[in-house]
Amino acid sequence: MELKQAIESRRSIRAYKDQPVPLEDLKELVRMASLAPSVANFQPWKFVIITNKELLNDMARKVALHLEAIPPNESRAAQNIKSQVEWFATFFQDAPALIAVAMESYESVLEKGVEMSHDEINRKRNFPDIQSAGACIQNILLSAVDMNYGACWLSAPMIAKDALEKMMGLDEKFNLIAFVAVGVPGSIPATKPARDLEEILKIID
């Protein structure tokens, strides 16, 4: 499959066939992720592949509990909104596989020559570590399409990030950033229209 076709074919897949994804294919998705650009080529990522259904269910329950604990506002739609968000945050429990993406804190060269903390520099540079995570996640999503799988990038579960890190046994030096659910698509949603190029593009010549 050509890159352009993979980009145009990619969808956020949230329904999967009850069919396992071979470990070698999951490893290949992680290998492709690891080829993404990263800040100072630090390659700060750590990936955790989870196929254990009991653990996935426990993780989803933990996310749901954290969402439940958030006080709703006074709007009529509050409860419906929380229920909808809960489904989007926990459907990963039904995926054949989940890839967790975590990042190690990098040391900027700038830190060695200026009176600024790592966190200050990171903010000034607009969080290049998070940008690195986005690049490797996109590699997973496009590689999944190329390998005839469906995938979905999830950030909503991070509301229970600290608990999830412990459940996965993630080393303390790594910060959980996002999940990618992976499986054989049960259904493929229709294409959503992209915003018009003229609306999103500014040219300075």
C-alpha atoms as a PDB file:
ATOM      1  CA  MET A   1       0.000   0.000   0.000  1.00  0.00           C
ATOM      2  CA  GLU A   2       1.332   3.458  -0.862  1.00  0.00           C
ATOM      3  CA  LEU A   3       1.682   6.017   1.928  1.00  0.00           C
ATOM      4  CA  LYS A   4      -0.911   8.326   0.391  1.00  0.00           C
ATOM      5  CA  GLN A   5      -3.444   5.488   0.286  1.00  0.00           C
ATOM      6  CA  ALA A   6      -2.737   4.576   3.921  1.00  0.00           C
ATOM      7  CA  ILE A   7      -3.220   8.197   5.016  1.00  0.00           C
ATOM      8  CA  GLU A   8      -6.472   8.540   3.081  1.00  0.00           C
ATOM      9  CA  SER A   9      -7.755   5.139   4.289  1.00  0.00           C
ATOM     10  CA  ARG A  10      -7.004   5.616   7.982  1.00  0.00           C
ATOM     11  CA  ARG A  11     -10.004   5.698  10.307  1.00  0.00           C
ATOM     12  CA  SER A  12     -10.395   5.602  14.073  1.00  0.00           C
ATOM     13  CA  ILE A  13     -11.547   1.996  14.507  1.00  0.00           C
ATOM     14  CA  ARG A  14     -13.395   1.260  17.739  1.00  0.00           C
ATOM     15  CA  ALA A  15     -15.094  -2.066  16.868  1.00  0.00           C
ATOM     16  CA  TYR A  16     -13.039  -5.203  16.311  1.00  0.00           C
ATOM     17  CA  LYS A  17     -13.542  -8.803  15.285  1.00  0.00           C
ATOM     18  CA  ASP A  18     -12.974 -11.404  17.962  1.00  0.00           C
ATOM     19  CA  GLN A  19      -9.698 -12.341  16.376  1.00  0.00           C
ATOM     20  CA  PRO A  20      -6.252 -12.134  17.999  1.00  0.00           C
ATOM     21  CA  VAL A  21      -3.475 -10.051  16.484  1.00  0.00           C
ATOM     22  CA  PRO A  22      -0.283 -12.126  16.153  1.00  0.00           C
ATOM     23  CA  LEU A  23       2.465 -10.962  18.475  1.00  0.00           C
ATOM     24  CA  GLU A  24       4.865 -10.614  15.556  1.00  0.00           C
ATOM     25  CA  ASP A  25       2.495  -8.127  13.915  1.00  0.00           C
ATOM     26  CA  LEU A  26       2.226  -6.125  17.141  1.00  0.00           C
ATOM     27  CA  LYS A  27       6.011  -6.094  17.422  1.00  0.00           C
ATOM     28  CA  GLU A  28       6.213  -4.832  13.846  1.00  0.00           C
ATOM     29  CA  LEU A  29       3.849  -1.965  14.700  1.00  0.00           C
ATOM     30  CA  VAL A  30       6.113  -1.026  17.604  1.00  0.00           C
ATOM     31  CA  ARG A  31       9.196  -1.297  15.373  1.00  0.00           C
ATOM     32  CA  MET A  32       7.608   1.098  12.905  1.00  0.00           C
ATOM     33  CA  ALA A  33       6.726   3.452  15.765  1.00  0.00           C
ATOM     34  CA  SER A  34      10.351   3.444  16.891  1.00  0.00           C
ATOM     35  CA  LEU A  35      11.452   4.782  13.490  1.00  0.00           C
ATOM     36  CA  ALA A  36       9.656   8.097  14.067  1.00  0.00           C
ATOM     37  CA  PRO A  37      11.629  11.299  14.607  1.00  0.00           C
ATOM     38  CA  SER A  38      12.196  12.317  18.223  1.00  0.00           C
ATOM     39  CA  VAL A  39      13.600  15.277  20.099  1.00  0.00           C
ATOM     40  CA  ALA A  40      17.421  15.281  19.706  1.00  0.00           C
ATOM     41  CA  ASN A  41      17.028  11.672  18.446  1.00  0.00           C
ATOM     42  CA  PHE A  42      16.692  10.720  22.110  1.00  0.00           C
ATOM     43  CA  GLN A  43      14.100   8.054  21.251  1.00  0.00           C
ATOM     44  CA  PRO A  44      12.468   8.508  24.659  1.00  0.00           C
ATOM     45  CA  TRP A  45       9.694   6.001  24.157  1.00  0.00           C
ATOM     46  CA  LYS A  46       8.690   2.801  25.877  1.00  0.00           C
ATOM     47  CA  PHE A  47       5.922   0.582  24.511  1.00  0.00           C
ATOM     48  CA  VAL A  48       3.839  -1.965  26.398  1.00  0.00           C
ATOM     49  CA  ILE A  49       1.750  -4.495  24.449  1.00  0.00           C
ATOM     50  CA  ILE A  50      -1.246  -5.788  26.395  1.00  0.00           C
ATOM     51  CA  THR A  51      -3.409  -8.682  25.206  1.00  0.00           C
ATOM     52  CA  ASN A  52      -4.404 -10.010  28.631  1.00  0.00           C
ATOM     53  CA  LYS A  53      -8.205  -9.641  28.750  1.00  0.00           C
ATOM     54  CA  GLU A  54      -8.403  -9.646  32.542  1.00  0.00           C
ATOM     55  CA  LEU A  55      -5.914  -6.798  32.769  1.00  0.00           C
ATOM     56  CA  LEU A  56      -7.649  -4.835  30.002  1.00  0.00           C
ATOM     57  CA  ASN A  57     -10.967  -5.170  31.834  1.00  0.00           C
ATOM     58  CA  ASP A  58      -9.399  -4.108  35.133  1.00  0.00           C
ATOM     59  CA  MET A  59      -7.803  -1.090  33.457  1.00  0.00           C
ATOM     60  CA  ALA A  60     -11.118  -0.081  31.888  1.00  0.00           C
ATOM     61  CA  ARG A  61     -12.844  -0.350  35.276  1.00  0.00           C
ATOM     62  CA  LYS A  62     -10.175   1.858  36.824  1.00  0.00           C
ATOM     63  CA  VAL A  63     -10.704   4.491  34.115  1.00  0.00           C
ATOM     64  CA  ALA A  64     -14.480   4.352  34.649  1.00  0.00           C
ATOM     65  CA  LEU A  65     -14.030   4.866  38.416  1.00  0.00           C
ATOM     66  CA  HIS A  66     -11.870   7.928  37.825  1.00  0.00           C
ATOM     67  CA  LEU A  67     -14.455   9.371  35.456  1.00  0.00           C
ATOM     68  CA  GLU A  68     -17.234   8.646  37.950  1.00  0.00           C
ATOM     69  CA  ALA A  69     -15.369  10.611  40.590  1.00  0.00           C
ATOM     70  CA  ILE A  70     -15.450  13.822  38.530  1.00  0.00           C
ATOM     71  CA  PRO A  71     -18.339  15.988  39.771  1.00  0.00           C
ATOM     72  CA  PRO A  72     -20.830  16.768  36.973  1.00  0.00           C
ATOM     73  CA  ASN A  73     -21.884  20.343  36.314  1.00  0.00           C
ATOM     74  CA  GLU A  74     -25.480  21.555  36.514  1.00  0.00           C
ATOM     75  CA  SER A  75     -26.364  21.020  32.855  1.00  0.00           C
ATOM     76  CA  ARG A  76     -29.165  18.632  31.862  1.00  0.00           C
ATOM     77  CA  ALA A  77     -26.818  16.772  29.564  1.00  0.00           C
ATOM     78  CA  ALA A  78     -24.142  16.197  32.213  1.00  0.00           C
ATOM     79  CA  GLN A  79     -24.905  12.534  32.928  1.00  0.00           C
ATOM     80  CA  ASN A  80     -25.290  11.608  29.271  1.00  0.00           C
ATOM     81  CA  ILE A  81     -22.025  13.339  28.467  1.00  0.00           C
ATOM     82  CA  LYS A  82     -20.190  11.433  31.196  1.00  0.00           C
ATOM     83  CA  SER A  83     -21.650   8.118  29.971  1.00  0.00           C
ATOM     84  CA  GLN A  84     -20.602   8.861  26.403  1.00  0.00           C
ATOM     85  CA  VAL A  85     -17.095   9.844  27.443  1.00  0.00           C
ATOM     86  CA  GLU A  86     -16.841   6.692  29.568  1.00  0.00           C
ATOM     87  CA  TRP A  87     -17.483   4.501  26.529  1.00  0.00           C
ATOM     88  CA  PHE A  88     -14.880   6.331  24.438  1.00  0.00           C
ATOM     89  CA  ALA A  89     -12.412   6.033  27.323  1.00  0.00           C
ATOM     90  CA  THR A  90     -12.949   2.315  28.013  1.00  0.00           C
ATOM     91  CA  PHE A  91     -13.771   0.561  24.717  1.00  0.00           C
ATOM     92  CA  PHE A  92     -10.130  -0.547  24.569  1.00  0.00           C
ATOM     93  CA  GLN A  93     -11.151  -3.451  26.820  1.00  0.00           C
ATOM     94  CA  ASP A  94     -12.821  -5.033  23.766  1.00  0.00           C
ATOM     95  CA  ALA A  95      -9.782  -4.662  21.514  1.00  0.00           C
ATOM     96  CA  PRO A  96      -7.663  -7.748  20.815  1.00  0.00           C
ATOM     97  CA  ALA A  97      -4.555  -5.742  21.688  1.00  0.00           C
ATOM     98  CA  LEU A  98      -3.566  -2.466  23.278  1.00  0.00           C
ATOM     99  CA  ILE A  99      -0.270  -0.656  22.789  1.00  0.00           C
ATOM    100  CA  ALA A 100       0.610   1.748  25.588  1.00  0.00           C
ATOM    101  CA  VAL A 101       2.996   4.556  24.665  1.00  0.00           C
ATOM    102  CA  ALA A 102       5.160   6.044  27.419  1.00  0.00           C
ATOM    103  CA  MET A 103       7.953   8.614  27.332  1.00  0.00           C
ATOM    104  CA  GLU A 104      11.153   9.044  29.304  1.00  0.00           C
ATOM    105  CA  SER A 105      12.144  12.576  30.272  1.00  0.00           C
ATOM    106  CA  TYR A 106      14.880  13.769  27.884  1.00  0.00           C
ATOM    107  CA  GLU A 107      17.731  16.141  28.700  1.00  0.00           C
ATOM    108  CA  SER A 108      17.926  19.146  26.406  1.00  0.00           C
ATOM    109  CA  VAL A 109      21.354  20.366  25.320  1.00  0.00           C
ATOM    110  CA  LEU A 110      20.117  23.821  26.298  1.00  0.00           C
ATOM    111  CA  GLU A 111      19.866  22.718  29.946  1.00  0.00           C
ATOM    112  CA  LYS A 112      23.648  22.511  30.124  1.00  0.00           C
ATOM    113  CA  GLY A 113      24.150  26.172  29.218  1.00  0.00           C
ATOM    114  CA  VAL A 114      21.285  28.214  30.646  1.00  0.00           C
ATOM    115  CA  GLU A 115      19.675  28.910  34.012  1.00  0.00           C
ATOM    116  CA  MET A 116      16.372  27.255  33.179  1.00  0.00           C
ATOM    117  CA  SER A 117      14.887  24.030  34.471  1.00  0.00           C
ATOM    118  CA  HIS A 118      14.011  21.112  32.241  1.00  0.00           C
ATOM    119  CA  ASP A 119      10.293  21.828  32.688  1.00  0.00           C
ATOM    120  CA  GLU A 120      10.735  25.494  31.775  1.00  0.00           C
ATOM    121  CA  ILE A 121      12.678  24.630  28.629  1.00  0.00           C
ATOM    122  CA  ASN A 122      10.139  21.961  27.717  1.00  0.00           C
ATOM    123  CA  ARG A 123       7.312  24.504  27.965  1.00  0.00           C
ATOM    124  CA  LYS A 124       9.247  27.108  25.970  1.00  0.00           C
ATOM    125  CA  ARG A 125       9.889  24.540  23.225  1.00  0.00           C
ATOM    126  CA  ASN A 126       6.218  23.542  23.238  1.00  0.00           C
ATOM    127  CA  PHE A 127       6.722  20.040  24.670  1.00  0.00           C
ATOM    128  CA  PRO A 128       8.925  18.309  22.073  1.00  0.00           C
ATOM    129  CA  ASP A 129       8.630  15.071  24.056  1.00  0.00           C
ATOM    130  CA  ILE A 130       4.852  15.042  23.489  1.00  0.00           C
ATOM    131  CA  GLN A 131       5.428  15.948  19.846  1.00  0.00           C
ATOM    132  CA  SER A 132       7.756  12.929  19.594  1.00  0.00           C
ATOM    133  CA  ALA A 133       4.985  10.745  21.036  1.00  0.00           C
ATOM    134  CA  GLY A 134       2.548  12.029  18.410  1.00  0.00           C
ATOM    135  CA  ALA A 135       4.977  11.143  15.634  1.00  0.00           C
ATOM    136  CA  CYS A 136       5.470   7.556  16.809  1.00  0.00           C
ATOM    137  CA  ILE A 137       1.726   7.056  17.370  1.00  0.00           C
ATOM    138  CA  GLN A 138       0.990   8.218  13.820  1.00  0.00           C
ATOM    139  CA  ASN A 139       3.474   5.624  12.578  1.00  0.00           C
ATOM    140  CA  ILE A 140       1.501   2.941  14.425  1.00  0.00           C
ATOM    141  CA  LEU A 141      -1.817   4.121  12.979  1.00  0.00           C
ATOM    142  CA  LEU A 142      -0.594   4.226   9.382  1.00  0.00           C
ATOM    143  CA  SER A 143       1.316   0.942   9.684  1.00  0.00           C
ATOM    144  CA  ALA A 144      -1.837  -0.699  11.048  1.00  0.00           C
ATOM    145  CA  VAL A 145      -3.726   0.348   7.903  1.00  0.00           C
ATOM    146  CA  ASP A 146      -0.910  -0.994   5.734  1.00  0.00           C
ATOM    147  CA  MET A 147      -1.118  -4.340   7.602  1.00  0.00           C
ATOM    148  CA  ASN A 148      -4.935  -4.528   7.256  1.00  0.00           C
ATOM    149  CA  TYR A 149      -5.641  -3.745  10.893  1.00  0.00           C
ATOM    150  CA  GLY A 150      -7.724  -1.031  12.463  1.00  0.00           C
ATOM    151  CA  ALA A 151      -6.399   1.171  15.243  1.00  0.00           C
ATOM    152  CA  CYS A 152      -7.527   4.020  17.452  1.00  0.00           C
ATOM    153  CA  TRP A 153      -5.503   6.583  19.387  1.00  0.00           C
ATOM    154  CA  LEU A 154      -6.871   7.074  22.919  1.00  0.00           C
ATOM    155  CA  SER A 155      -6.043   9.899  25.304  1.00  0.00           C
ATOM    156  CA  ALA A 156      -9.209   9.810  27.465  1.00  0.00           C
ATOM    157  CA  PRO A 157      -7.988   6.866  29.614  1.00  0.00           C
ATOM    158  CA  MET A 158      -5.111   9.047  30.790  1.00  0.00           C
ATOM    159  CA  ILE A 159      -7.492  10.460  33.379  1.00  0.00           C
ATOM    160  CA  ALA A 160      -6.389   7.398  35.385  1.00  0.00           C
ATOM    161  CA  LYS A 161      -2.761   7.637  34.250  1.00  0.00           C
ATOM    162  CA  ASP A 162      -1.069   7.088  37.611  1.00  0.00           C
ATOM    163  CA  ALA A 163      -3.157   4.014  38.397  1.00  0.00           C
ATOM    164  CA  LEU A 164      -2.687   2.594  34.888  1.00  0.00           C
ATOM    165  CA  GLU A 165       1.098   3.000  35.099  1.00  0.00           C
ATOM    166  CA  LYS A 166       1.109   0.917  38.282  1.00  0.00           C
ATOM    167  CA  MET A 167      -1.192  -1.731  36.784  1.00  0.00           C
ATOM    168  CA  MET A 168       1.176  -2.141  33.830  1.00  0.00           C
ATOM    169  CA  GLY A 169       4.251  -2.215  36.049  1.00  0.00           C
ATOM    170  CA  LEU A 170       5.727   0.727  34.164  1.00  0.00           C
ATOM    171  CA  ASP A 171       9.105   1.917  35.388  1.00  0.00           C
ATOM    172  CA  GLU A 172       8.818   5.215  37.287  1.00  0.00           C
ATOM    173  CA  LYS A 173      11.100   7.032  34.847  1.00  0.00           C
ATOM    174  CA  PHE A 174       8.469   6.631  32.111  1.00  0.00           C
ATOM    175  CA  ASN A 175       5.374   8.795  31.766  1.00  0.00           C
ATOM    176  CA  LEU A 176       2.313   7.169  30.170  1.00  0.00           C
ATOM    177  CA  ILE A 177       1.180   9.313  27.225  1.00  0.00           C
ATOM    178  CA  ALA A 178      -1.529   7.436  25.309  1.00  0.00           C
ATOM    179  CA  PHE A 179      -2.995   4.098  24.214  1.00  0.00           C
ATOM    180  CA  VAL A 180      -3.461   2.683  20.735  1.00  0.00           C
ATOM    181  CA  ALA A 181      -6.110  -0.040  20.419  1.00  0.00           C
ATOM    182  CA  VAL A 182      -5.444  -2.522  17.594  1.00  0.00           C
ATOM    183  CA  GLY A 183      -7.431  -5.281  15.932  1.00  0.00           C
ATOM    184  CA  VAL A 184      -9.100  -6.552  12.785  1.00  0.00           C
ATOM    185  CA  PRO A 185     -11.851  -4.012  12.067  1.00  0.00           C
ATOM    186  CA  GLY A 186     -15.360  -5.178  12.889  1.00  0.00           C
ATOM    187  CA  SER A 187     -16.681  -2.280  10.853  1.00  0.00           C
ATOM    188  CA  ILE A 188     -15.130   0.697   9.118  1.00  0.00           C
ATOM    189  CA  PRO A 189     -16.802   4.067   9.633  1.00  0.00           C
ATOM    190  CA  ALA A 190     -17.596   6.306   6.711  1.00  0.00           C
ATOM    191  CA  THR A 191     -15.105   8.963   5.715  1.00  0.00           C
ATOM    192  CA  LYS A 192     -15.557  12.207   7.595  1.00  0.00           C
ATOM    193  CA  PRO A 193     -15.093  15.299   5.448  1.00  0.00           C
ATOM    194  CA  ALA A 194     -11.815  17.103   5.983  1.00  0.00           C
ATOM    195  CA  ARG A 195     -11.815  20.843   6.307  1.00  0.00           C
ATOM    196  CA  ASP A 196     -11.218  22.686   3.044  1.00  0.00           C
ATOM    197  CA  LEU A 197      -7.546  23.302   2.290  1.00  0.00           C
ATOM    198  CA  GLU A 198      -8.140  27.030   1.788  1.00  0.00           C
ATOM    199  CA  GLU A 199      -9.615  27.198   5.293  1.00  0.00           C
ATOM    200  CA  ILE A 200      -6.637  25.644   7.055  1.00  0.00           C
ATOM    201  CA  LEU A 201      -3.745  26.934   4.950  1.00  0.00           C
ATOM    202  CA  LYS A 202      -1.925  30.254   5.046  1.00  0.00           C
ATOM    203  CA  ILE A 203       0.896  30.913   2.572  1.00  0.00           C
ATOM    204  CA  ILE A 204       3.552  33.558   3.168  1.00  0.00           C
ATOM    205  CA  ASP A 205       5.687  34.131   0.085  1.00  0.00           C
END
